[in-house]
Amino acid sequence: MSMPGPYELIIILLIILLLFGGRKIPEIARGLGKGLREFRKARDEVMEEARMDEEENEQASNKEFNASRAENEPPAESEENND
């Protein structure tokens, strides 16, 4: 399915103008703009929240990894030479 050409777009815009009138179109555009802004804001909030959760999970897994490494390592021997 291809995009409509310039003539088809002009016809569509004229039909919209006839259906809604010149006064209603700016109101519709404002409403669409507000809706898009709210959608983008919500999307950004969700993305930020997901990023923060990912960082917290990464820090927790690093702590667990370091703790398990510390448990599995043999105790450090003293560096004294007993010759």
C-alpha atoms as a PDB file:
ATOM      1  CA  MET A   1       0.000   0.000   0.000  1.00  0.00           C
ATOM      2  CA  SER A   2       1.533   3.277  -1.089  1.00  0.00           C
ATOM      3  CA  MET A   3       1.267   6.744   0.362  1.00  0.00           C
ATOM      4  CA  PRO A   4      -1.287   9.100  -1.189  1.00  0.00           C
ATOM      5  CA  GLY A   5       0.099  11.566  -3.692  1.00  0.00           C
ATOM      6  CA  PRO A   6      -0.129  15.344  -3.411  1.00  0.00           C
ATOM      7  CA  TYR A   7      -3.467  15.552  -5.246  1.00  0.00           C
ATOM      8  CA  GLU A   8      -5.019  12.912  -3.004  1.00  0.00           C
ATOM      9  CA  LEU A   9      -3.797  14.777   0.089  1.00  0.00           C
ATOM     10  CA  ILE A  10      -5.367  18.022  -1.161  1.00  0.00           C
ATOM     11  CA  ILE A  11      -8.688  16.254  -1.733  1.00  0.00           C
ATOM     12  CA  ILE A  12      -8.542  14.679   1.746  1.00  0.00           C
ATOM     13  CA  LEU A  13      -7.796  18.078   3.329  1.00  0.00           C
ATOM     14  CA  LEU A  14     -10.689  19.692   1.450  1.00  0.00           C
ATOM     15  CA  ILE A  15     -13.073  16.962   2.626  1.00  0.00           C
ATOM     16  CA  ILE A  16     -11.902  17.460   6.214  1.00  0.00           C
ATOM     17  CA  LEU A  17     -12.408  21.218   5.844  1.00  0.00           C
ATOM     18  CA  LEU A  18     -15.937  20.665   4.553  1.00  0.00           C
ATOM     19  CA  LEU A  19     -16.807  18.175   7.296  1.00  0.00           C
ATOM     20  CA  PHE A  20     -15.463  20.086  10.278  1.00  0.00           C
ATOM     21  CA  GLY A  21     -15.377  23.702   9.141  1.00  0.00           C
ATOM     22  CA  GLY A  22     -12.629  26.264   9.472  1.00  0.00           C
ATOM     23  CA  ARG A  23     -13.285  26.979  13.153  1.00  0.00           C
ATOM     24  CA  LYS A  24     -13.235  23.397  14.352  1.00  0.00           C
ATOM     25  CA  ILE A  25      -9.948  22.357  12.700  1.00  0.00           C
ATOM     26  CA  PRO A  26      -7.678  24.418  15.041  1.00  0.00           C
ATOM     27  CA  GLU A  27      -9.484  22.938  18.054  1.00  0.00           C
ATOM     28  CA  ILE A  28      -8.954  19.441  16.702  1.00  0.00           C
ATOM     29  CA  ALA A  29      -5.285  20.197  16.022  1.00  0.00           C
ATOM     30  CA  ARG A  30      -4.805  21.534  19.578  1.00  0.00           C
ATOM     31  CA  GLY A  31      -6.421  18.424  21.002  1.00  0.00           C
ATOM     32  CA  LEU A  32      -4.180  16.184  18.912  1.00  0.00           C
ATOM     33  CA  GLY A  33      -1.126  18.188  19.982  1.00  0.00           C
ATOM     34  CA  LYS A  34      -2.010  17.872  23.665  1.00  0.00           C
ATOM     35  CA  GLY A  35      -2.627  14.166  23.260  1.00  0.00           C
ATOM     36  CA  LEU A  36       0.729  13.657  21.563  1.00  0.00           C
ATOM     37  CA  ARG A  37       2.533  15.646  24.267  1.00  0.00           C
ATOM     38  CA  GLU A  38       0.909  13.578  27.013  1.00  0.00           C
ATOM     39  CA  PHE A  39       1.747  10.360  25.175  1.00  0.00           C
ATOM     40  CA  ARG A  40       5.401  11.367  24.750  1.00  0.00           C
ATOM     41  CA  LYS A  41       5.638  12.434  28.386  1.00  0.00           C
ATOM     42  CA  ALA A  42       4.216   9.093  29.558  1.00  0.00           C
ATOM     43  CA  ARG A  43       6.541   7.217  27.191  1.00  0.00           C
ATOM     44  CA  ASP A  44       9.577   9.109  28.498  1.00  0.00           C
ATOM     45  CA  GLU A  45       8.546   8.433  32.103  1.00  0.00           C
ATOM     46  CA  VAL A  46       8.196   4.710  31.409  1.00  0.00           C
ATOM     47  CA  MET A  47      11.555   4.615  29.621  1.00  0.00           C
ATOM     48  CA  GLU A  48      13.250   6.446  32.530  1.00  0.00           C
ATOM     49  CA  GLU A  49      11.650   4.097  35.033  1.00  0.00           C
ATOM     50  CA  ALA A  50      12.797   1.060  33.044  1.00  0.00           C
ATOM     51  CA  ARG A  51      16.326   2.458  32.826  1.00  0.00           C
ATOM     52  CA  MET A  52      16.426   3.051  36.581  1.00  0.00           C
ATOM     53  CA  ASP A  53      15.134  -0.478  37.278  1.00  0.00           C
ATOM     54  CA  GLU A  54      17.784  -1.891  34.961  1.00  0.00           C
ATOM     55  CA  GLU A  55      20.524   0.032  36.765  1.00  0.00           C
ATOM     56  CA  GLU A  56      19.242  -1.148  40.165  1.00  0.00           C
ATOM     57  CA  ASN A  57      19.147  -4.762  38.961  1.00  0.00           C
ATOM     58  CA  GLU A  58      22.666  -4.436  37.571  1.00  0.00           C
ATOM     59  CA  GLN A  59      23.967  -3.034  40.872  1.00  0.00           C
ATOM     60  CA  ALA A  60      22.229  -5.798  42.839  1.00  0.00           C
ATOM     61  CA  SER A  61      23.670  -8.511  40.592  1.00  0.00           C
ATOM     62  CA  ASN A  62      27.153  -6.974  40.900  1.00  0.00           C
ATOM     63  CA  LYS A  63      26.847  -7.041  44.704  1.00  0.00           C
ATOM     64  CA  GLU A  64      25.715 -10.672  44.616  1.00  0.00           C
ATOM     65  CA  PHE A  65      28.561 -11.582  42.269  1.00  0.00           C
ATOM     66  CA  ASN A  66      31.148  -9.876  44.472  1.00  0.00           C
ATOM     67  CA  ALA A  67      29.720 -11.528  47.595  1.00  0.00           C
ATOM     68  CA  SER A  68      29.846 -14.996  46.003  1.00  0.00           C
ATOM     69  CA  ARG A  69      33.410 -14.373  44.814  1.00  0.00           C
ATOM     70  CA  ALA A  70      34.446 -13.381  48.317  1.00  0.00           C
ATOM     71  CA  GLU A  71      32.928 -16.578  49.729  1.00  0.00           C
ATOM     72  CA  ASN A  72      34.669 -18.824  47.185  1.00  0.00           C
ATOM     73  CA  GLU A  73      38.148 -17.277  47.380  1.00  0.00           C
ATOM     74  CA  PRO A  74      40.650 -18.919  49.720  1.00  0.00           C
ATOM     75  CA  PRO A  75      41.865 -16.736  52.556  1.00  0.00           C
ATOM     76  CA  ALA A  76      44.858 -14.591  51.721  1.00  0.00           C
ATOM     77  CA  GLU A  77      48.158 -16.028  52.971  1.00  0.00           C
ATOM     78  CA  SER A  78      50.599 -13.815  54.796  1.00  0.00           C
ATOM     79  CA  GLU A  79      53.622 -12.742  52.817  1.00  0.00           C
ATOM     80  CA  GLU A  80      56.173 -13.804  55.406  1.00  0.00           C
ATOM     81  CA  ASN A  81      59.019 -15.963  54.200  1.00  0.00           C
ATOM     82  CA  ASN A  82      59.727 -18.894  56.515  1.00  0.00           C
ATOM     83  CA  ASP A  83      63.227 -19.800  55.262  1.00  0.00           C
END
